[in-house]
């Protein structure tokens, strides 16, 4: 038996089926946590945003329209907007534990520009141009929400090496996206 796709699950969530919401959570929570982590850079704040987002998903599932876009993008948009709202409430971005990555504010306009399919495709193309180790480090940190020490453990590499890979990768991404 094949699992229902996200569109079908969201349709069931719109009808009030809690099991469907649970299935969406099981499938998407790790990715959505990564989206929140990429914006907030704080595990606790990202977890709060994901929880708030799933409440919104439960409340707004009937608003999802598959003809206007895919379900994963809709879910990501909810998390992205919730994370941006959290930043606005604080008035600044939460600093990272790594000064090499910078603690500057991220302009909301720059983040919302990534919502377009063209920018998303460009980001994917830029990620593909990175060396495999840089790309893997960035994806583990910003998509999967792992800390630098966790990435170092997972890749069996020294912590400083992993931080360097991620930093060089981010600098290359910034140049590619400019």
N, C-alpha and C. Protein backbone atom coordinates (compact mmCIF):
# COMPACT_ATOMS: atom_id res chain seq x y z
N UNK A 1 0.84 -1.17 0.00
CA UNK A 1 0.00 0.00 0.00
C UNK A 1 0.89 1.24 0.00
N UNK A 2 0.61 2.19 -0.89
CA UNK A 2 1.39 3.41 -0.94
C UNK A 2 0.81 4.44 0.03
N UNK A 3 1.69 5.28 0.54
CA UNK A 3 1.26 6.32 1.46
C UNK A 3 0.61 7.45 0.67
N UNK A 4 -0.39 8.11 1.25
CA UNK A 4 -1.02 9.23 0.54
C UNK A 4 -0.02 10.38 0.40
N UNK A 5 -0.17 11.14 -0.69
CA UNK A 5 0.73 12.27 -0.88
C UNK A 5 0.32 13.41 0.04
N UNK A 6 1.17 14.42 0.11
CA UNK A 6 0.92 15.54 1.02
C UNK A 6 -0.37 16.27 0.69
N UNK A 7 -0.68 16.40 -0.61
CA UNK A 7 -1.93 17.06 -1.00
C UNK A 7 -3.13 16.35 -0.39
N UNK A 8 -3.13 15.02 -0.50
CA UNK A 8 -4.24 14.24 0.06
C UNK A 8 -4.28 14.35 1.57
N UNK A 9 -3.11 14.33 2.19
CA UNK A 9 -3.06 14.46 3.65
C UNK A 9 -3.60 15.82 4.10
N UNK A 10 -3.22 16.89 3.41
CA UNK A 10 -3.72 18.20 3.79
C UNK A 10 -5.23 18.31 3.59
N UNK A 11 -5.72 17.65 2.58
CA UNK A 11 -7.17 17.61 2.38
C UNK A 11 -7.86 16.94 3.57
N UNK A 12 -7.26 15.87 4.04
CA UNK A 12 -7.82 15.17 5.21
C UNK A 12 -7.68 16.00 6.48
N UNK A 13 -6.56 16.74 6.59
CA UNK A 13 -6.39 17.63 7.75
C UNK A 13 -7.49 18.69 7.73
N UNK A 14 -7.80 19.22 6.55
CA UNK A 14 -8.86 20.22 6.41
C UNK A 14 -10.20 19.68 6.88
N UNK A 15 -10.37 18.37 6.79
CA UNK A 15 -11.61 17.74 7.24
C UNK A 15 -11.57 17.39 8.73
N UNK A 16 -10.48 17.76 9.40
CA UNK A 16 -10.39 17.56 10.84
C UNK A 16 -9.80 16.22 11.26
N UNK A 17 -9.11 15.53 10.37
CA UNK A 17 -8.53 14.22 10.72
C UNK A 17 -7.17 14.41 11.39
N UNK A 18 -7.13 14.12 12.68
CA UNK A 18 -5.90 14.27 13.45
C UNK A 18 -4.81 13.32 12.98
N UNK A 19 -5.18 12.12 12.55
CA UNK A 19 -4.18 11.17 12.06
C UNK A 19 -3.45 11.70 10.82
N UNK A 20 -4.17 12.45 10.00
CA UNK A 20 -3.56 13.04 8.81
C UNK A 20 -2.55 14.11 9.22
N UNK A 21 -2.90 14.91 10.24
CA UNK A 21 -1.97 15.92 10.73
C UNK A 21 -0.72 15.24 11.29
N UNK A 22 -0.92 14.15 12.01
CA UNK A 22 0.22 13.42 12.55
C UNK A 22 1.11 12.90 11.42
N UNK A 23 0.50 12.40 10.36
CA UNK A 23 1.28 11.89 9.22
C UNK A 23 2.07 13.02 8.56
N UNK A 24 1.46 14.20 8.43
CA UNK A 24 2.17 15.35 7.87
C UNK A 24 3.35 15.70 8.78
N UNK A 25 3.12 15.68 10.08
CA UNK A 25 4.18 15.99 11.04
C UNK A 25 5.34 14.99 10.91
N UNK A 26 5.01 13.71 10.87
CA UNK A 26 6.04 12.67 10.79
C UNK A 26 6.88 12.86 9.52
N UNK A 27 6.24 13.19 8.42
CA UNK A 27 6.94 13.33 7.14
C UNK A 27 7.72 14.62 7.00
N UNK A 28 7.19 15.70 7.57
CA UNK A 28 7.74 17.03 7.24
C UNK A 28 8.41 17.76 8.39
N UNK A 29 8.26 17.30 9.62
CA UNK A 29 8.74 18.09 10.76
C UNK A 29 10.25 18.31 10.73
N UNK A 30 11.03 17.33 10.33
CA UNK A 30 12.48 17.49 10.29
C UNK A 30 12.87 18.56 9.28
N UNK A 31 12.28 18.50 8.10
CA UNK A 31 12.57 19.51 7.06
C UNK A 31 12.12 20.89 7.51
N UNK A 32 10.94 20.97 8.10
CA UNK A 32 10.41 22.26 8.53
C UNK A 32 11.22 22.82 9.69
N UNK A 33 11.70 21.95 10.56
CA UNK A 33 12.59 22.40 11.63
C UNK A 33 13.86 22.99 11.03
N UNK A 34 14.36 22.37 9.98
CA UNK A 34 15.55 22.90 9.29
C UNK A 34 15.30 24.28 8.71
N UNK A 35 14.12 24.50 8.15
CA UNK A 35 13.76 25.82 7.62
C UNK A 35 13.79 26.84 8.75
N UNK A 36 13.16 26.50 9.87
CA UNK A 36 13.13 27.41 11.02
C UNK A 36 14.54 27.66 11.55
N UNK A 37 15.36 26.61 11.62
CA UNK A 37 16.73 26.76 12.12
C UNK A 37 17.55 27.67 11.20
N UNK A 38 17.36 27.54 9.90
CA UNK A 38 18.11 28.37 8.95
C UNK A 38 17.82 29.84 9.17
N UNK A 39 16.62 30.16 9.59
CA UNK A 39 16.24 31.55 9.80
C UNK A 39 16.58 32.01 11.21
N UNK A 40 16.25 31.20 12.20
CA UNK A 40 16.38 31.62 13.60
C UNK A 40 17.72 31.31 14.24
N UNK A 41 18.34 30.21 13.83
CA UNK A 41 19.63 29.77 14.37
C UNK A 41 19.57 29.54 15.88
N UNK A 42 18.43 29.08 16.34
CA UNK A 42 18.25 28.78 17.76
C UNK A 42 17.29 27.60 17.85
N UNK A 43 17.76 26.50 18.43
CA UNK A 43 16.98 25.26 18.45
C UNK A 43 15.65 25.44 19.18
N UNK A 44 15.66 26.11 20.31
CA UNK A 44 14.45 26.28 21.09
C UNK A 44 13.43 27.14 20.33
N UNK A 45 13.90 28.24 19.77
CA UNK A 45 13.01 29.12 19.00
C UNK A 45 12.48 28.40 17.77
N UNK A 46 13.33 27.61 17.11
CA UNK A 46 12.90 26.87 15.92
C UNK A 46 11.84 25.84 16.30
N UNK A 47 12.03 25.16 17.42
CA UNK A 47 11.04 24.18 17.87
C UNK A 47 9.71 24.86 18.17
N UNK A 48 9.76 26.04 18.79
CA UNK A 48 8.53 26.79 19.06
C UNK A 48 7.83 27.18 17.77
N UNK A 49 8.61 27.60 16.77
CA UNK A 49 8.04 28.01 15.49
C UNK A 49 7.38 26.81 14.79
N UNK A 50 8.02 25.65 14.84
CA UNK A 50 7.43 24.46 14.21
C UNK A 50 6.12 24.10 14.92
N UNK A 51 6.11 24.17 16.24
CA UNK A 51 4.87 23.86 16.97
C UNK A 51 3.77 24.84 16.60
N UNK A 52 4.08 26.12 16.60
CA UNK A 52 3.10 27.14 16.22
C UNK A 52 2.62 26.91 14.79
N UNK A 53 3.55 26.54 13.92
CA UNK A 53 3.21 26.32 12.52
C UNK A 53 2.25 25.15 12.35
N UNK A 54 2.44 24.08 13.12
CA UNK A 54 1.52 22.96 12.99
C UNK A 54 0.12 23.29 13.53
N UNK A 55 0.05 24.19 14.47
CA UNK A 55 -1.28 24.68 14.91
C UNK A 55 -1.92 25.44 13.76
N UNK A 56 -1.12 26.29 13.09
CA UNK A 56 -1.64 27.04 11.94
C UNK A 56 -2.04 26.11 10.80
N UNK A 57 -1.23 25.08 10.57
CA UNK A 57 -1.55 24.11 9.51
C UNK A 57 -2.90 23.46 9.82
N UNK A 58 -3.10 23.08 11.06
CA UNK A 58 -4.37 22.47 11.49
C UNK A 58 -5.53 23.43 11.23
N UNK A 59 -5.32 24.71 11.56
CA UNK A 59 -6.37 25.71 11.43
C UNK A 59 -6.62 26.13 9.99
N UNK A 60 -5.60 26.10 9.16
CA UNK A 60 -5.70 26.67 7.81
C UNK A 60 -5.59 25.66 6.68
N UNK A 61 -5.64 24.40 6.97
CA UNK A 61 -5.46 23.39 5.92
C UNK A 61 -6.47 23.55 4.79
N UNK A 62 -7.65 24.03 5.10
CA UNK A 62 -8.68 24.22 4.07
C UNK A 62 -8.28 25.30 3.06
N UNK A 63 -7.34 26.16 3.43
CA UNK A 63 -6.90 27.23 2.53
C UNK A 63 -5.89 26.73 1.49
N UNK A 64 -5.33 25.54 1.71
CA UNK A 64 -4.36 25.01 0.76
C UNK A 64 -5.05 24.67 -0.56
N UNK A 65 -4.43 25.12 -1.67
CA UNK A 65 -4.96 24.85 -3.00
C UNK A 65 -3.83 24.27 -3.85
N UNK A 66 -3.93 22.99 -4.16
CA UNK A 66 -2.89 22.30 -4.92
C UNK A 66 -2.68 22.93 -6.30
N UNK A 67 -3.68 23.60 -6.83
CA UNK A 67 -3.55 24.23 -8.14
C UNK A 67 -2.61 25.44 -8.09
N UNK A 68 -2.42 26.01 -6.91
CA UNK A 68 -1.56 27.19 -6.75
C UNK A 68 -0.13 26.85 -6.37
N UNK A 69 0.13 25.61 -5.97
CA UNK A 69 1.49 25.23 -5.59
C UNK A 69 1.48 23.90 -4.87
N UNK A 70 2.69 23.39 -4.61
CA UNK A 70 2.74 22.08 -3.97
C UNK A 70 2.64 22.20 -2.46
N UNK A 71 2.27 21.11 -1.84
CA UNK A 71 2.02 21.10 -0.40
C UNK A 71 3.29 21.38 0.40
N UNK A 72 4.41 20.84 -0.02
CA UNK A 72 5.66 21.06 0.72
C UNK A 72 6.02 22.54 0.73
N UNK A 73 5.80 23.22 -0.37
CA UNK A 73 6.06 24.65 -0.44
C UNK A 73 5.12 25.45 0.46
N UNK A 74 3.86 25.04 0.49
CA UNK A 74 2.87 25.71 1.34
C UNK A 74 3.26 25.54 2.81
N UNK A 75 3.64 24.33 3.19
CA UNK A 75 4.06 24.07 4.57
C UNK A 75 5.31 24.89 4.90
N UNK A 76 6.27 24.90 3.99
CA UNK A 76 7.49 25.68 4.20
C UNK A 76 7.20 27.16 4.35
N UNK A 77 6.26 27.65 3.58
CA UNK A 77 5.87 29.06 3.67
C UNK A 77 5.30 29.41 5.03
N UNK A 78 4.48 28.53 5.58
CA UNK A 78 3.92 28.76 6.91
C UNK A 78 5.04 28.85 7.94
N UNK A 79 5.98 27.93 7.88
CA UNK A 79 7.10 27.93 8.84
C UNK A 79 7.98 29.16 8.62
N UNK A 80 8.27 29.47 7.38
CA UNK A 80 9.11 30.63 7.07
C UNK A 80 8.48 31.91 7.62
N UNK A 81 7.20 32.09 7.38
CA UNK A 81 6.53 33.30 7.87
C UNK A 81 6.47 33.34 9.39
N UNK A 82 6.25 32.19 10.02
CA UNK A 82 6.25 32.14 11.48
C UNK A 82 7.63 32.48 12.04
N UNK A 83 8.68 32.00 11.39
CA UNK A 83 10.04 32.31 11.84
C UNK A 83 10.35 33.79 11.66
N UNK A 84 9.94 34.35 10.54
CA UNK A 84 10.15 35.78 10.31
C UNK A 84 9.38 36.61 11.32
N UNK A 85 8.17 36.17 11.65
CA UNK A 85 7.40 36.85 12.69
C UNK A 85 8.13 36.81 14.03
N UNK A 86 8.73 35.67 14.34
CA UNK A 86 9.50 35.54 15.59
C UNK A 86 10.68 36.51 15.59
N UNK A 87 11.35 36.65 14.46
CA UNK A 87 12.47 37.60 14.37
C UNK A 87 11.97 39.02 14.55
N UNK A 88 10.87 39.36 13.91
CA UNK A 88 10.34 40.72 14.03
C UNK A 88 9.95 41.03 15.48
N UNK A 89 9.39 40.03 16.16
CA UNK A 89 9.02 40.24 17.56
C UNK A 89 10.25 40.54 18.41
N UNK A 90 11.34 39.93 18.09
CA UNK A 90 12.58 40.16 18.84
C UNK A 90 13.32 41.39 18.34
N UNK A 91 13.06 41.79 17.11
CA UNK A 91 13.70 42.97 16.56
C UNK A 91 15.09 42.71 16.00
N UNK A 92 15.52 41.47 16.04
CA UNK A 92 16.85 41.14 15.52
C UNK A 92 16.93 39.64 15.31
N UNK A 93 17.98 39.23 14.61
CA UNK A 93 18.23 37.81 14.42
C UNK A 93 18.95 37.27 15.66
N UNK A 94 18.69 36.02 16.01
CA UNK A 94 19.37 35.40 17.14
C UNK A 94 20.78 35.02 16.70
N UNK A 95 21.80 35.44 17.46
CA UNK A 95 23.18 35.13 17.06
C UNK A 95 23.47 33.63 17.08
N UNK A 96 24.41 33.24 16.26
CA UNK A 96 24.86 31.85 16.23
C UNK A 96 25.93 31.66 17.28
N UNK A 97 26.32 30.42 17.48
CA UNK A 97 27.43 30.15 18.38
C UNK A 97 28.76 30.21 17.64
N UNK A 98 28.72 30.57 16.37
CA UNK A 98 29.92 30.60 15.56
C UNK A 98 30.11 31.99 14.97
N UNK A 99 30.99 32.81 15.56
CA UNK A 99 31.16 34.17 15.05
C UNK A 99 31.63 34.21 13.59
N UNK A 100 32.25 33.14 13.12
CA UNK A 100 32.72 33.11 11.73
C UNK A 100 31.56 33.16 10.75
N UNK A 101 30.38 32.73 11.19
CA UNK A 101 29.21 32.76 10.31
C UNK A 101 28.53 34.12 10.33
N UNK A 102 28.90 34.98 11.25
CA UNK A 102 28.34 36.32 11.31
C UNK A 102 27.07 36.37 12.13
N UNK A 103 26.91 37.49 12.80
CA UNK A 103 25.73 37.68 13.64
C UNK A 103 24.90 38.85 13.15
N UNK A 104 25.08 39.23 11.90
CA UNK A 104 24.33 40.35 11.35
C UNK A 104 22.88 40.01 11.14
N UNK A 105 22.07 41.07 11.06
CA UNK A 105 20.65 40.87 10.82
C UNK A 105 20.42 40.37 9.40
N UNK A 106 19.38 39.57 9.24
CA UNK A 106 18.97 39.13 7.91
C UNK A 106 17.74 39.95 7.55
N UNK A 107 17.82 40.65 6.45
CA UNK A 107 16.68 41.45 6.03
C UNK A 107 15.54 40.53 5.62
N UNK A 108 14.35 40.84 6.10
CA UNK A 108 13.20 40.01 5.78
C UNK A 108 12.97 39.95 4.28
N UNK A 109 13.24 41.05 3.58
CA UNK A 109 13.04 41.06 2.13
C UNK A 109 13.91 40.02 1.44
N UNK A 110 15.14 39.83 1.91
CA UNK A 110 16.03 38.85 1.30
C UNK A 110 15.49 37.44 1.50
N UNK A 111 14.90 37.17 2.64
CA UNK A 111 14.34 35.85 2.89
C UNK A 111 13.07 35.61 2.09
N UNK A 112 12.23 36.60 2.01
CA UNK A 112 10.98 36.39 1.28
C UNK A 112 11.21 36.28 -0.22
N UNK A 113 12.31 36.85 -0.72
CA UNK A 113 12.62 36.69 -2.15
C UNK A 113 12.85 35.25 -2.52
N UNK A 114 13.33 34.45 -1.56
CA UNK A 114 13.59 33.04 -1.85
C UNK A 114 12.30 32.25 -2.08
N UNK A 115 11.16 32.87 -1.82
CA UNK A 115 9.89 32.18 -2.02
C UNK A 115 9.60 31.92 -3.49
N UNK A 116 10.14 32.71 -4.35
CA UNK A 116 9.83 32.53 -5.77
C UNK A 116 10.51 31.28 -6.31
N UNK A 117 9.89 30.68 -7.27
CA UNK A 117 10.43 29.46 -7.86
C UNK A 117 11.77 29.72 -8.53
N UNK A 118 11.92 30.89 -9.13
CA UNK A 118 13.17 31.22 -9.81
C UNK A 118 14.34 31.27 -8.83
N UNK A 119 14.14 31.95 -7.70
CA UNK A 119 15.19 32.02 -6.69
C UNK A 119 15.47 30.66 -6.08
N UNK A 120 14.43 29.88 -5.90
CA UNK A 120 14.61 28.53 -5.36
C UNK A 120 15.44 27.69 -6.32
N UNK A 121 15.15 27.81 -7.60
CA UNK A 121 15.92 27.06 -8.61
C UNK A 121 17.37 27.55 -8.63
N UNK A 122 17.55 28.86 -8.50
CA UNK A 122 18.91 29.41 -8.49
C UNK A 122 19.67 28.92 -7.25
N UNK A 123 19.00 28.87 -6.10
CA UNK A 123 19.64 28.36 -4.89
C UNK A 123 20.06 26.91 -5.07
N UNK A 124 19.17 26.11 -5.65
CA UNK A 124 19.51 24.70 -5.90
C UNK A 124 20.72 24.60 -6.84
N UNK A 125 20.73 25.42 -7.88
CA UNK A 125 21.86 25.40 -8.82
C UNK A 125 23.15 25.82 -8.12
N UNK A 126 23.08 26.82 -7.27
CA UNK A 126 24.26 27.26 -6.54
C UNK A 126 24.74 26.18 -5.57
N UNK A 127 23.82 25.51 -4.92
CA UNK A 127 24.19 24.40 -4.03
C UNK A 127 24.89 23.30 -4.81
N UNK A 128 24.42 23.01 -6.00
CA UNK A 128 25.03 21.96 -6.82
C UNK A 128 26.45 22.31 -7.24
N UNK A 129 26.76 23.60 -7.33
CA UNK A 129 28.10 24.03 -7.73
C UNK A 129 29.12 23.89 -6.60
N UNK A 130 28.64 23.79 -5.37
CA UNK A 130 29.55 23.67 -4.23
C UNK A 130 30.24 22.31 -4.22
N UNK A 131 31.40 22.28 -3.57
CA UNK A 131 32.04 20.98 -3.35
C UNK A 131 31.12 20.16 -2.46
N UNK A 132 31.15 18.85 -2.63
CA UNK A 132 30.24 17.95 -1.92
C UNK A 132 30.30 18.15 -0.41
N UNK A 133 31.49 18.31 0.15
CA UNK A 133 31.62 18.43 1.60
C UNK A 133 31.03 19.74 2.09
N UNK A 134 31.17 20.85 1.33
CA UNK A 134 30.58 22.12 1.70
C UNK A 134 29.06 22.04 1.65
N UNK A 135 28.55 21.45 0.57
CA UNK A 135 27.10 21.30 0.40
C UNK A 135 26.52 20.44 1.52
N UNK A 136 27.18 19.32 1.81
CA UNK A 136 26.68 18.42 2.85
C UNK A 136 26.65 19.11 4.21
N UNK A 137 27.69 19.86 4.53
CA UNK A 137 27.72 20.58 5.79
C UNK A 137 26.60 21.60 5.91
N UNK A 138 26.38 22.36 4.83
CA UNK A 138 25.32 23.36 4.83
C UNK A 138 23.95 22.70 4.98
N UNK A 139 23.72 21.64 4.23
CA UNK A 139 22.42 20.97 4.30
C UNK A 139 22.17 20.36 5.68
N UNK A 140 23.20 19.76 6.26
CA UNK A 140 23.03 19.19 7.60
C UNK A 140 22.74 20.28 8.63
N UNK A 141 23.38 21.44 8.47
CA UNK A 141 23.18 22.52 9.43
C UNK A 141 21.85 23.23 9.23
N UNK A 142 21.53 23.59 7.99
CA UNK A 142 20.41 24.48 7.77
C UNK A 142 19.13 23.79 7.33
N UNK A 143 19.22 22.60 6.83
CA UNK A 143 18.00 21.87 6.46
C UNK A 143 17.63 20.88 7.56
N UNK A 144 18.64 20.19 8.07
CA UNK A 144 18.38 19.18 9.10
C UNK A 144 18.52 19.72 10.51
N UNK A 145 19.05 20.94 10.64
CA UNK A 145 19.11 21.59 11.94
C UNK A 145 20.16 21.05 12.90
N UNK A 146 21.20 20.40 12.38
CA UNK A 146 22.23 19.86 13.25
C UNK A 146 23.21 20.96 13.65
N UNK A 147 23.75 20.85 14.85
CA UNK A 147 24.78 21.78 15.30
C UNK A 147 26.11 21.39 14.67
N UNK A 148 27.08 22.29 14.75
CA UNK A 148 28.39 21.98 14.21
C UNK A 148 29.01 20.73 14.85
N UNK A 149 28.95 20.60 16.19
CA UNK A 149 29.50 19.37 16.79
C UNK A 149 28.78 18.10 16.31
N UNK A 150 27.47 18.18 16.12
CA UNK A 150 26.72 17.02 15.63
C UNK A 150 27.15 16.66 14.21
N UNK A 151 27.37 17.67 13.39
CA UNK A 151 27.81 17.43 12.01
C UNK A 151 29.20 16.79 12.03
N UNK A 152 30.09 17.32 12.87
CA UNK A 152 31.44 16.77 12.96
C UNK A 152 31.39 15.30 13.37
N UNK A 153 30.52 14.98 14.33
CA UNK A 153 30.37 13.58 14.75
C UNK A 153 29.83 12.73 13.61
N UNK A 154 28.81 13.22 12.94
CA UNK A 154 28.19 12.46 11.87
C UNK A 154 29.15 12.19 10.72
N UNK A 155 29.96 13.20 10.38
CA UNK A 155 30.88 13.06 9.25
C UNK A 155 32.24 12.51 9.67
N UNK A 156 32.43 12.34 10.99
CA UNK A 156 33.69 11.84 11.53
C UNK A 156 34.86 12.73 11.09
N UNK A 157 34.65 14.04 11.25
CA UNK A 157 35.66 15.03 10.89
C UNK A 157 35.87 15.96 12.09
N UNK A 158 37.02 16.61 12.17
CA UNK A 158 37.26 17.57 13.26
C UNK A 158 36.27 18.75 13.18
N UNK A 159 35.89 19.28 14.34
CA UNK A 159 34.93 20.36 14.40
C UNK A 159 35.39 21.58 13.59
N UNK A 160 36.64 21.96 13.71
CA UNK A 160 37.15 23.12 12.97
C UNK A 160 37.05 22.94 11.46
N UNK A 161 37.29 21.71 11.02
CA UNK A 161 37.19 21.40 9.59
C UNK A 161 35.75 21.59 9.11
N UNK A 162 34.81 21.08 9.87
CA UNK A 162 33.40 21.20 9.51
C UNK A 162 32.98 22.66 9.47
N UNK A 163 33.39 23.43 10.48
CA UNK A 163 33.06 24.86 10.50
C UNK A 163 33.63 25.57 9.27
N UNK A 164 34.84 25.22 8.90
CA UNK A 164 35.47 25.82 7.72
C UNK A 164 34.71 25.46 6.45
N UNK A 165 34.31 24.20 6.32
CA UNK A 165 33.54 23.79 5.14
C UNK A 165 32.25 24.59 5.03
N UNK A 166 31.56 24.71 6.14
CA UNK A 166 30.27 25.42 6.13
C UNK A 166 30.51 26.89 5.80
N UNK A 167 31.49 27.49 6.44
CA UNK A 167 31.76 28.91 6.18
C UNK A 167 32.12 29.15 4.73
N UNK A 168 33.04 28.35 4.16
CA UNK A 168 33.41 28.53 2.76
C UNK A 168 32.20 28.30 1.84
N UNK A 169 31.40 27.30 2.18
CA UNK A 169 30.21 27.04 1.38
C UNK A 169 29.23 28.20 1.41
N UNK A 170 29.02 28.79 2.60
CA UNK A 170 28.11 29.93 2.71
C UNK A 170 28.63 31.14 1.94
N UNK A 171 29.93 31.36 2.00
CA UNK A 171 30.52 32.46 1.23
C UNK A 171 30.33 32.24 -0.27
N UNK A 172 30.53 31.01 -0.72
CA UNK A 172 30.32 30.68 -2.13
C UNK A 172 28.86 30.84 -2.53
N UNK A 173 27.95 30.41 -1.65
CA UNK A 173 26.52 30.58 -1.93
C UNK A 173 26.16 32.05 -2.04
N UNK A 174 26.67 32.83 -1.12
CA UNK A 174 26.38 34.28 -1.14
C UNK A 174 26.84 34.89 -2.47
N UNK A 175 28.05 34.54 -2.89
CA UNK A 175 28.58 35.06 -4.16
C UNK A 175 27.75 34.58 -5.35
N UNK A 176 27.36 33.34 -5.33
CA UNK A 176 26.57 32.78 -6.43
C UNK A 176 25.18 33.40 -6.52
N UNK A 177 24.58 33.66 -5.36
CA UNK A 177 23.21 34.20 -5.32
C UNK A 177 23.18 35.70 -5.61
N UNK A 178 24.32 36.39 -5.48
CA UNK A 178 24.34 37.85 -5.67
C UNK A 178 24.10 38.25 -7.11
